[in-house]
PDB file of N, CA and C in Angstrom:
ATOM      1  N   MET A   1     -73.992   3.140  30.027  1.00  0.00           N
ATOM      2  CA  MET A   1     -75.251   2.499  29.720  1.00  0.00           C
ATOM      3  C   MET A   1     -75.969   2.074  30.991  1.00  0.00           C
ATOM      4  N   LEU A   2     -75.236   1.583  31.974  1.00  0.00           N
ATOM      5  CA  LEU A   2     -75.858   1.136  33.217  1.00  0.00           C
ATOM      6  C   LEU A   2     -76.550   2.291  33.931  1.00  0.00           C
ATOM      7  N   LYS A   3     -75.975   3.482  33.842  1.00  0.00           N
ATOM      8  CA  LYS A   3     -76.578   4.634  34.494  1.00  0.00           C
ATOM      9  C   LYS A   3     -77.923   4.986  33.859  1.00  0.00           C
ATOM     10  N   THR A   4     -78.038   4.872  32.549  1.00  0.00           N
ATOM     11  CA  THR A   4     -79.307   5.172  31.883  1.00  0.00           C
ATOM     12  C   THR A   4     -80.343   4.107  32.173  1.00  0.00           C
ATOM     13  N   ILE A   5     -79.930   2.849  32.289  1.00  0.00           N
ATOM     14  CA  ILE A   5     -80.883   1.786  32.633  1.00  0.00           C
ATOM     15  C   ILE A   5     -81.383   1.979  34.053  1.00  0.00           C
ATOM     16  N   ARG A   6     -80.486   2.321  34.959  1.00  0.00           N
ATOM     17  CA  ARG A   6     -80.869   2.474  36.360  1.00  0.00           C
ATOM     18  C   ARG A   6     -81.832   3.640  36.540  1.00  0.00           C
ATOM     19  N   LEU A   7     -81.659   4.688  35.759  1.00  0.00           N
ATOM     20  CA  LEU A   7     -82.496   5.867  35.907  1.00  0.00           C
ATOM     21  C   LEU A   7     -83.781   5.798  35.088  1.00  0.00           C
ATOM     22  N   SER A   8     -83.920   4.825  34.192  1.00  0.00           N
ATOM     23  CA  SER A   8     -85.137   4.733  33.408  1.00  0.00           C
ATOM     24  C   SER A   8     -86.266   4.185  34.279  1.00  0.00           C
ATOM     25  N   ALA A   9     -87.481   4.309  33.764  1.00  0.00           N
ATOM     26  CA  ALA A   9     -88.649   3.872  34.530  1.00  0.00           C
ATOM     27  C   ALA A   9     -88.650   2.364  34.770  1.00  0.00           C
ATOM     28  N   TRP A  10     -88.114   1.600  33.839  1.00  0.00           N
ATOM     29  CA  TRP A  10     -88.132   0.150  33.957  1.00  0.00           C
ATOM     30  C   TRP A  10     -86.752  -0.421  34.283  1.00  0.00           C
ATOM     31  N   GLY A  11     -85.831   0.411  34.725  1.00  0.00           N
ATOM     32  CA  GLY A  11     -84.469  -0.035  34.980  1.00  0.00           C
ATOM     33  C   GLY A  11     -84.355  -1.133  36.018  1.00  0.00           C
ATOM     34  N   MET A  12     -85.050  -0.994  37.125  1.00  0.00           N
ATOM     35  CA  MET A  12     -84.981  -2.017  38.171  1.00  0.00           C
ATOM     36  C   MET A  12     -85.575  -3.342  37.697  1.00  0.00           C
ATOM     37  N   GLN A  13     -86.610  -3.262  36.866  1.00  0.00           N
ATOM     38  CA  GLN A  13     -87.209  -4.487  36.352  1.00  0.00           C
ATOM     39  C   GLN A  13     -86.245  -5.201  35.408  1.00  0.00           C
ATOM     40  N   TYR A  14     -85.562  -4.431  34.555  1.00  0.00           N
ATOM     41  CA  TYR A  14     -84.580  -5.037  33.661  1.00  0.00           C
ATOM     42  C   TYR A  14     -83.453  -5.698  34.453  1.00  0.00           C
ATOM     43  N   LEU A  15     -82.956  -4.999  35.447  1.00  0.00           N
ATOM     44  CA  LEU A  15     -81.880  -5.565  36.270  1.00  0.00           C
ATOM     45  C   LEU A  15     -82.349  -6.797  37.033  1.00  0.00           C
ATOM     46  N   SER A  16     -83.597  -6.790  37.457  1.00  0.00           N
ATOM     47  CA  SER A  16     -84.143  -7.932  38.175  1.00  0.00           C
ATOM     48  C   SER A  16     -84.275  -9.152  37.263  1.00  0.00           C
ATOM     49  N   ILE A  17     -84.667  -8.930  36.026  1.00  0.00           N
ATOM     50  CA  ILE A  17     -84.755 -10.042  35.074  1.00  0.00           C
ATOM     51  C   ILE A  17     -83.360 -10.585  34.765  1.00  0.00           C
ATOM     52  N   VAL A  18     -82.397  -9.704  34.591  1.00  0.00           N
ATOM     53  CA  VAL A  18     -81.015 -10.143  34.344  1.00  0.00           C
ATOM     54  C   VAL A  18     -80.496 -10.932  35.549  1.00  0.00           C
ATOM     55  N   PHE A  19     -80.815 -10.471  36.762  1.00  0.00           N
ATOM     56  CA  PHE A  19     -80.404 -11.189  37.964  1.00  0.00           C
ATOM     57  C   PHE A  19     -81.035 -12.577  38.006  1.00  0.00           C
ATOM     58  N   SER A  20     -82.308 -12.685  37.656  1.00  0.00           N
ATOM     59  CA  SER A  20     -82.978 -13.987  37.648  1.00  0.00           C
ATOM     60  C   SER A  20     -82.341 -14.931  36.637  1.00  0.00           C
ATOM     61  N   LEU A  21     -82.036 -14.419  35.461  1.00  0.00           N
ATOM     62  CA  LEU A  21     -81.389 -15.260  34.458  1.00  0.00           C
ATOM     63  C   LEU A  21     -79.986 -15.673  34.902  1.00  0.00           C
ATOM     64  N   THR A  22     -79.297 -14.789  35.596  1.00  0.00           N
ATOM     65  CA  THR A  22     -77.971 -15.123  36.128  1.00  0.00           C
ATOM     66  C   THR A  22     -78.085 -16.217  37.189  1.00  0.00           C
ATOM     67  N   CYS A  23     -79.091 -16.125  38.027  1.00  0.00           N
ATOM     68  CA  CYS A  23     -79.310 -17.175  39.045  1.00  0.00           C
ATOM     69  C   CYS A  23     -79.620 -18.507  38.385  1.00  0.00           C
ATOM     70  N   LEU A  24     -80.438 -18.483  37.333  1.00  0.00           N
ATOM     71  CA  LEU A  24     -80.746 -19.718  36.617  1.00  0.00           C
ATOM     72  C   LEU A  24     -79.488 -20.319  36.000  1.00  0.00           C
ATOM     73  N   ALA A  25     -78.649 -19.467  35.434  1.00  0.00           N
ATOM     74  CA  ALA A  25     -77.385 -19.954  34.869  1.00  0.00           C
ATOM     75  C   ALA A  25     -76.481 -20.518  35.961  1.00  0.00           C
ATOM     76  N   ALA A  26     -76.458 -19.866  37.118  1.00  0.00           N
ATOM     77  CA  ALA A  26     -75.629 -20.359  38.227  1.00  0.00           C
ATOM     78  C   ALA A  26     -76.097 -21.729  38.705  1.00  0.00           C
ATOM     79  N   ILE A  27     -77.405 -21.909  38.797  1.00  0.00           N
ATOM     80  CA  ILE A  27     -77.931 -23.218  39.204  1.00  0.00           C
ATOM     81  C   ILE A  27     -77.566 -24.278  38.171  1.00  0.00           C
ATOM     82  N   THR A  28     -77.706 -23.937  36.907  1.00  0.00           N
ATOM     83  CA  THR A  28     -77.381 -24.883  35.840  1.00  0.00           C
ATOM     84  C   THR A  28     -75.903 -25.260  35.875  1.00  0.00           C
ATOM     85  N   ILE A  29     -75.055 -24.285  36.056  1.00  0.00           N
ATOM     86  CA  ILE A  29     -73.610 -24.551  36.108  1.00  0.00           C
ATOM     87  C   ILE A  29     -73.251 -25.396  37.328  1.00  0.00           C
ATOM     88  N   LEU A  30     -73.848 -25.060  38.483  1.00  0.00           N
ATOM     89  CA  LEU A  30     -73.574 -25.847  39.693  1.00  0.00           C
ATOM     90  C   LEU A  30     -73.993 -27.298  39.522  1.00  0.00           C
ATOM     91  N   LEU A  31     -75.187 -27.504  39.008  1.00  0.00           N
ATOM     92  CA  LEU A  31     -75.672 -28.878  38.860  1.00  0.00           C
ATOM     93  C   LEU A  31     -74.887 -29.644  37.806  1.00  0.00           C
ATOM     94  N   LYS A  32     -74.481 -28.967  36.744  1.00  0.00           N
ATOM     95  CA  LYS A  32     -73.681 -29.637  35.722  1.00  0.00           C
ATOM     96  C   LYS A  32     -72.286 -29.976  36.258  1.00  0.00           C
ATOM     97  N   TYR A  33     -71.698 -29.063  37.024  1.00  0.00           N
ATOM     98  CA  TYR A  33     -70.350 -29.285  37.553  1.00  0.00           C
ATOM     99  C   TYR A  33     -70.330 -30.432  38.564  1.00  0.00           C
ATOM    100  N   PHE A  34     -71.340 -30.518  39.417  1.00  0.00           N
ATOM    101  CA  PHE A  34     -71.357 -31.539  40.467  1.00  0.00           C
ATOM    102  C   PHE A  34     -72.148 -32.785  40.088  1.00  0.00           C
ATOM    103  N   ASP A  35     -72.511 -32.925  38.820  1.00  0.00           N
ATOM    104  CA  ASP A  35     -73.236 -34.110  38.359  1.00  0.00           C
ATOM    105  C   ASP A  35     -72.321 -35.328  38.445  1.00  0.00           C
ATOM    106  N   GLY A  36     -72.768 -36.344  39.147  1.00  0.00           N
ATOM    107  CA  GLY A  36     -71.995 -37.572  39.282  1.00  0.00           C
ATOM    108  C   GLY A  36     -70.917 -37.526  40.350  1.00  0.00           C
ATOM    109  N   GLU A  37     -70.721 -36.386  40.980  1.00  0.00           N
ATOM    110  CA  GLU A  37     -69.724 -36.252  42.044  1.00  0.00           C
ATOM    111  C   GLU A  37     -70.325 -36.721  43.374  1.00  0.00           C
ATOM    112  N   PRO A  38     -69.487 -37.153  44.289  1.00  0.00           N
ATOM    113  CA  PRO A  38     -70.010 -37.512  45.611  1.00  0.00           C
ATOM    114  C   PRO A  38     -70.496 -36.268  46.354  1.00  0.00           C
ATOM    115  N   ALA A  39     -71.443 -36.476  47.249  1.00  0.00           N
ATOM    116  CA  ALA A  39     -72.004 -35.360  48.019  1.00  0.00           C
ATOM    117  C   ALA A  39     -70.917 -34.728  48.885  1.00  0.00           C
ATOM    118  N   PHE A  40     -70.979 -33.423  49.027  1.00  0.00           N
ATOM    119  CA  PHE A  40     -69.979 -32.722  49.820  1.00  0.00           C
ATOM    120  C   PHE A  40     -70.685 -31.862  50.867  1.00  0.00           C
ATOM    121  N   ALA A  41     -69.944 -31.508  51.884  1.00  0.00           N
ATOM    122  CA  ALA A  41     -70.441 -30.584  52.905  1.00  0.00           C
ATOM    123  C   ALA A  41     -69.262 -29.703  53.298  1.00  0.00           C
ATOM    124  N   TRP A  42     -69.288 -28.481  52.833  1.00  0.00           N
ATOM    125  CA  TRP A  42     -68.232 -27.527  53.111  1.00  0.00           C
ATOM    126  C   TRP A  42     -68.689 -26.608  54.226  1.00  0.00           C
ATOM    127  N   GLN A  43     -68.201 -26.807  55.421  1.00  0.00           N
ATOM    128  CA  GLN A  43     -68.574 -26.065  56.625  1.00  0.00           C
ATOM    129  C   GLN A  43     -70.091 -26.027  56.812  1.00  0.00           C
ATOM    130  N   GLY A  44     -70.729 -27.152  56.579  1.00  0.00           N
ATOM    131  CA  GLY A  44     -72.170 -27.271  56.777  1.00  0.00           C
ATOM    132  C   GLY A  44     -73.000 -26.848  55.588  1.00  0.00           C
ATOM    133  N   ILE A  45     -72.366 -26.386  54.515  1.00  0.00           N
ATOM    134  CA  ILE A  45     -73.101 -25.960  53.322  1.00  0.00           C
ATOM    135  C   ILE A  45     -73.029 -27.070  52.286  1.00  0.00           C
ATOM    136  N   THR A  46     -74.192 -27.527  51.866  1.00  0.00           N
ATOM    137  CA  THR A  46     -74.250 -28.587  50.863  1.00  0.00           C
ATOM    138  C   THR A  46     -74.725 -28.005  49.536  1.00  0.00           C
ATOM    139  N   LEU A  47     -74.703 -28.841  48.520  1.00  0.00           N
ATOM    140  CA  LEU A  47     -75.163 -28.422  47.195  1.00  0.00           C
ATOM    141  C   LEU A  47     -76.653 -28.069  47.239  1.00  0.00           C
ATOM    142  N   ASN A  48     -77.428 -28.824  47.987  1.00  0.00           N
ATOM    143  CA  ASN A  48     -78.859 -28.546  48.104  1.00  0.00           C
ATOM    144  C   ASN A  48     -79.114 -27.168  48.711  1.00  0.00           C
ATOM    145  N   ILE A  49     -78.344 -26.804  49.703  1.00  0.00           N
ATOM    146  CA  ILE A  49     -78.503 -25.488  50.331  1.00  0.00           C
ATOM    147  C   ILE A  49     -78.149 -24.388  49.346  1.00  0.00           C
ATOM    148  N   MET A  50     -77.072 -24.569  48.597  1.00  0.00           N
ATOM    149  CA  MET A  50     -76.670 -23.553  47.623  1.00  0.00           C
ATOM    150  C   MET A  50     -77.730 -23.366  46.545  1.00  0.00           C
ATOM    151  N   VAL A  51     -78.250 -24.463  46.009  1.00  0.00           N
ATOM    152  CA  VAL A  51     -79.283 -24.384  44.973  1.00  0.00           C
ATOM    153  C   VAL A  51     -80.551 -23.764  45.543  1.00  0.00           C
ATOM    154  N   SER A  52     -80.901 -24.103  46.761  1.00  0.00           N
ATOM    155  CA  SER A  52     -82.088 -23.550  47.396  1.00  0.00           C
ATOM    156  C   SER A  52     -81.992 -22.042  47.580  1.00  0.00           C
ATOM    157  N   ILE A  53     -80.856 -21.566  48.057  1.00  0.00           N
ATOM    158  CA  ILE A  53     -80.677 -20.126  48.268  1.00  0.00           C
ATOM    159  C   ILE A  53     -80.732 -19.374  46.940  1.00  0.00           C
ATOM    160  N   ILE A  54     -80.076 -19.912  45.936  1.00  0.00           N
ATOM    161  CA  ILE A  54     -80.077 -19.243  44.626  1.00  0.00           C
ATOM    162  C   ILE A  54     -81.480 -19.249  44.023  1.00  0.00           C
ATOM    163  N   SER A  55     -82.216 -20.346  44.176  1.00  0.00           N
ATOM    164  CA  SER A  55     -83.560 -20.404  43.594  1.00  0.00           C
ATOM    165  C   SER A  55     -84.527 -19.465  44.312  1.00  0.00           C
ATOM    166  N   VAL A  56     -84.369 -19.293  45.613  1.00  0.00           N
ATOM    167  CA  VAL A  56     -85.215 -18.335  46.338  1.00  0.00           C
ATOM    168  C   VAL A  56     -84.927 -16.908  45.869  1.00  0.00           C
ATOM    169  N   ALA A  57     -83.664 -16.589  45.660  1.00  0.00           N
ATOM    170  CA  ALA A  57     -83.313 -15.256  45.151  1.00  0.00           C
ATOM    171  C   ALA A  57     -83.885 -15.058  43.750  1.00  0.00           C
ATOM    172  N   MET A  58     -83.828 -16.081  42.928  1.00  0.00           N
ATOM    173  CA  MET A  58     -84.370 -15.991  41.572  1.00  0.00           C
ATOM    174  C   MET A  58     -85.875 -15.781  41.603  1.00  0.00           C
ATOM    175  N   LYS A  59     -86.578 -16.541  42.436  1.00  0.00           N
ATOM    176  CA  LYS A  59     -88.034 -16.400  42.526  1.00  0.00           C
ATOM    177  C   LYS A  59     -88.436 -15.040  43.080  1.00  0.00           C
ATOM    178  N   ALA A  60     -87.685 -14.533  44.029  1.00  0.00           N
ATOM    179  CA  ALA A  60     -88.010 -13.223  44.601  1.00  0.00           C
ATOM    180  C   ALA A  60     -87.859 -12.115  43.565  1.00  0.00           C
ATOM    181  N   SER A  61     -86.807 -12.166  42.770  1.00  0.00           N
ATOM    182  CA  SER A  61     -86.627 -11.120  41.769  1.00  0.00           C
ATOM    183  C   SER A  61     -87.664 -11.231  40.656  1.00  0.00           C
ATOM    184  N   LEU A  62     -88.067 -12.442  40.290  1.00  0.00           N
ATOM    185  CA  LEU A  62     -89.128 -12.588  39.295  1.00  0.00           C
ATOM    186  C   LEU A  62     -90.476 -12.139  39.846  1.00  0.00           C
ATOM    187  N   THR A  63     -90.724 -12.388  41.101  1.00  0.00           N
ATOM    188  CA  THR A  63     -91.969 -11.935  41.717  1.00  0.00           C
ATOM    189  C   THR A  63     -92.047 -10.418  41.723  1.00  0.00           C
ATOM    190  N   TYR A  64     -90.932  -9.768  41.964  1.00  0.00           N
ATOM    191  CA  TYR A  64     -90.888  -8.304  41.926  1.00  0.00           C
ATOM    192  C   TYR A  64     -91.291  -7.787  40.544  1.00  0.00           C
ATOM    193  N   VAL A  65     -90.757  -8.393  39.502  1.00  0.00           N
ATOM    194  CA  VAL A  65     -91.068  -7.954  38.142  1.00  0.00           C
ATOM    195  C   VAL A  65     -92.541  -8.187  37.825  1.00  0.00           C
ATOM    196  N   VAL A  66     -93.066  -9.336  38.194  1.00  0.00           N
ATOM    197  CA  VAL A  66     -94.465  -9.642  37.904  1.00  0.00           C
ATOM    198  C   VAL A  66     -95.402  -8.682  38.627  1.00  0.00           C
ATOM    199  N   THR A  67     -95.131  -8.370  39.884  1.00  0.00           N
ATOM    200  CA  THR A  67     -96.006  -7.452  40.610  1.00  0.00           C
ATOM    201  C   THR A  67     -95.928  -6.039  40.046  1.00  0.00           C
ATOM    202  N   GLU A  68     -94.756  -5.610  39.615  1.00  0.00           N
ATOM    203  CA  GLU A  68     -94.646  -4.287  38.999  1.00  0.00           C
ATOM    204  C   GLU A  68     -95.412  -4.232  37.686  1.00  0.00           C
ATOM    205  N   CYS A  69     -95.334  -5.289  36.904  1.00  0.00           N
ATOM    206  CA  CYS A  69     -96.076  -5.330  35.641  1.00  0.00           C
ATOM    207  C   CYS A  69     -97.581  -5.359  35.881  1.00  0.00           C
ATOM    208  N   MET A  70     -98.029  -6.093  36.897  1.00  0.00           N
ATOM    209  CA  MET A  70     -99.457  -6.119  37.216  1.00  0.00           C
ATOM    210  C   MET A  70     -99.943  -4.762  37.693  1.00  0.00           C
ATOM    211  N   ALA A  71     -99.138  -4.071  38.458  1.00  0.00           N
ATOM    212  CA  ALA A  71     -99.520  -2.738  38.921  1.00  0.00           C
ATOM    213  C   ALA A  71     -99.644  -1.775  37.741  1.00  0.00           C
ATOM    214  N   GLN A  72     -98.726  -1.865  36.796  1.00  0.00           N
ATOM    215  CA  GLN A  72     -98.800  -1.018  35.609  1.00  0.00           C
ATOM    216  C   GLN A  72    -100.014  -1.387  34.766  1.00  0.00           C
ATOM    217  N   TRP A  73    -100.281  -2.680  34.639  1.00  0.00           N
ATOM    218  CA  TRP A  73    -101.421  -3.154  33.855  1.00  0.00           C
ATOM    219  C   TRP A  73    -102.737  -2.651  34.450  1.00  0.00           C
ATOM    220  N   LYS A  74    -102.803  -2.575  35.765  1.00  0.00           N
ATOM    221  CA  LYS A  74    -104.008  -2.082  36.433  1.00  0.00           C
ATOM    222  C   LYS A  74    -104.344  -0.674  35.965  1.00  0.00           C
ATOM    223  N   TRP A  75    -103.346   0.198  35.934  1.00  0.00           N
ATOM    224  CA  TRP A  75    -103.605   1.579  35.530  1.00  0.00           C
ATOM    225  C   TRP A  75    -103.912   1.681  34.054  1.00  0.00           C
ATOM    226  N   ILE A  76    -103.267   0.877  33.228  1.00  0.00           N
ATOM    227  CA  ILE A  76    -103.565   0.885  31.794  1.00  0.00           C
ATOM    228  C   ILE A  76    -104.989   0.413  31.558  1.00  0.00           C
ATOM    229  N   LEU A  77    -105.398  -0.626  32.253  1.00  0.00           N
ATOM    230  CA  LEU A  77    -106.736  -1.186  32.087  1.00  0.00           C
ATOM    231  C   LEU A  77    -107.818  -0.182  32.457  1.00  0.00           C
ATOM    232  N   PHE A  78    -107.632   0.550  33.520  1.00  0.00           N
ATOM    233  CA  PHE A  78    -108.674   1.466  33.988  1.00  0.00           C
ATOM    234  C   PHE A  78    -108.632   2.823  33.310  1.00  0.00           C
ATOM    235  N   THR A  79    -107.591   3.160  32.608  1.00  0.00           N
ATOM    236  CA  THR A  79    -107.582   4.422  31.863  1.00  0.00           C
ATOM    237  C   THR A  79    -108.109   4.244  30.450  1.00  0.00           C
ATOM    238  N   THR A  80    -108.121   3.009  29.926  1.00  0.00           N
ATOM    239  CA  THR A  80    -108.587   2.789  28.557  1.00  0.00           C
ATOM    240  C   THR A  80    -110.084   2.528  28.470  1.00  0.00           C
ATOM    241  N   GLU A  81    -110.683   1.929  29.484  1.00  0.00           N
ATOM    242  CA  GLU A  81    -112.118   1.633  29.448  1.00  0.00           C
ATOM    243  C   GLU A  81    -112.703   1.713  30.850  1.00  0.00           C
ATOM    244  N   GLU A  82    -113.994   1.877  30.889  1.00  0.00           N
ATOM    245  CA  GLU A  82    -114.672   2.002  32.178  1.00  0.00           C
ATOM    246  C   GLU A  82    -114.939   0.617  32.764  1.00  0.00           C
ATOM    247  N   LYS A  83    -114.536   0.434  34.001  1.00  0.00           N
ATOM    248  CA  LYS A  83    -114.687  -0.843  34.711  1.00  0.00           C
ATOM    249  C   LYS A  83    -115.330  -0.571  36.059  1.00  0.00           C
ATOM    250  N   PRO A  84    -115.984  -1.593  36.640  1.00  0.00           N
ATOM    251  CA  PRO A  84    -116.521  -1.407  37.990  1.00  0.00           C
ATOM    252  C   PRO A  84    -115.395  -1.292  39.018  1.00  0.00           C
ATOM    253  N   PRO A  85    -115.623  -0.534  40.094  1.00  0.00           N
ATOM    254  CA  PRO A  85    -114.566  -0.336  41.107  1.00  0.00           C
ATOM    255  C   PRO A  85    -114.097  -1.620  41.779  1.00  0.00           C
ATOM    256  N   ILE A  86    -114.937  -2.643  41.821  1.00  0.00           N
ATOM    257  CA  ILE A  86    -114.530  -3.893  42.463  1.00  0.00           C
ATOM    258  C   ILE A  86    -113.379  -4.554  41.699  1.00  0.00           C
ATOM    259  N   ASP A  87    -113.338  -4.362  40.368  1.00  0.00           N
ATOM    260  CA  ASP A  87    -112.235  -4.909  39.583  1.00  0.00           C
ATOM    261  C   ASP A  87    -110.916  -4.243  39.962  1.00  0.00           C
ATOM    262  N   PHE A  88    -110.957  -2.949  40.218  1.00  0.00           N
ATOM    263  CA  PHE A  88    -109.755  -2.227  40.641  1.00  0.00           C
ATOM    264  C   PHE A  88    -109.254  -2.794  41.963  1.00  0.00           C
ATOM    265  N   ASP A  89    -110.176  -3.044  42.877  1.00  0.00           N
ATOM    266  CA  ASP A  89    -109.806  -3.596  44.189  1.00  0.00           C
ATOM    267  C   ASP A  89    -109.214  -4.995  44.056  1.00  0.00           C
ATOM    268  N   ARG A  90    -109.786  -5.815  43.186  1.00  0.00           N
ATOM    269  CA  ARG A  90    -109.282  -7.173  43.000  1.00  0.00           C
ATOM    270  C   ARG A  90    -107.854  -7.172  42.431  1.00  0.00           C
ATOM    271  N   ILE A  91    -107.632  -6.347  41.426  1.00  0.00           N
ATOM    272  CA  ILE A  91    -106.286  -6.272  40.840  1.00  0.00           C
ATOM    273  C   ILE A  91    -105.313  -5.696  41.839  1.00  0.00           C
ATOM    274  N   ASP A  92    -105.744  -4.691  42.578  1.00  0.00           N
ATOM    275  CA  ASP A  92    -104.865  -4.086  43.570  1.00  0.00           C
ATOM    276  C   ASP A  92    -104.508  -5.086  44.664  1.00  0.00           C
ATOM    277  N   SER A  93    -105.450  -5.917  45.057  1.00  0.00           N
ATOM    278  CA  SER A  93    -105.166  -6.944  46.064  1.00  0.00           C
ATOM    279  C   SER A  93    -104.191  -7.988  45.523  1.00  0.00           C
ATOM    280  N   ALA A  94    -104.301  -8.318  44.252  1.00  0.00           N
ATOM    281  CA  ALA A  94    -103.397  -9.303  43.647  1.00  0.00           C
ATOM    282  C   ALA A  94    -101.970  -8.754  43.591  1.00  0.00           C
ATOM    283  N   VAL A  95    -101.827  -7.471  43.370  1.00  0.00           N
ATOM    284  CA  VAL A  95    -100.502  -6.876  43.306  1.00  0.00           C
ATOM    285  C   VAL A  95     -99.849  -6.840  44.679  1.00  0.00           C
ATOM    286  N   ARG A  96    -100.628  -6.689  45.708  1.00  0.00           N
ATOM    287  CA  ARG A  96    -100.086  -6.564  47.061  1.00  0.00           C
ATOM    288  C   ARG A  96     -99.680  -7.902  47.671  1.00  0.00           C
ATOM    289  N   GLY A  97    -100.133  -9.001  47.116  1.00  0.00           N
ATOM    290  CA  GLY A  97     -99.714 -10.308  47.632  1.00  0.00           C
ATOM    291  C   GLY A  97    -100.899 -11.191  47.913  1.00  0.00           C
ATOM    292  N   PRO A  98    -100.639 -12.395  48.412  1.00  0.00           N
ATOM    293  CA  PRO A  98    -101.728 -13.355  48.645  1.00  0.00           C
ATOM    294  C   PRO A  98    -102.640 -12.936  49.790  1.00  0.00           C
TER     295      PRO A  98
END
């Protein structure tokens, strides 16, 4: 099944969403496990650093999915109805980043 998901058109997006949900679960488990515990520092790594790294990975994978969906939406929008070219440029700029 994993091979068919990876080779499908939306396979990377599905895997990215699953990764984001896994990161969210990891953050939830970490915070629940260390709730009420004294602060720790394991070789310079604290709970805040771990949560920060996981949340950045989660946001990056969600951003990837959103930009791919916006890029697909751009082509759907312009093939179904006639729009001015400036709208295409605006959507294309939004997909490429800030």
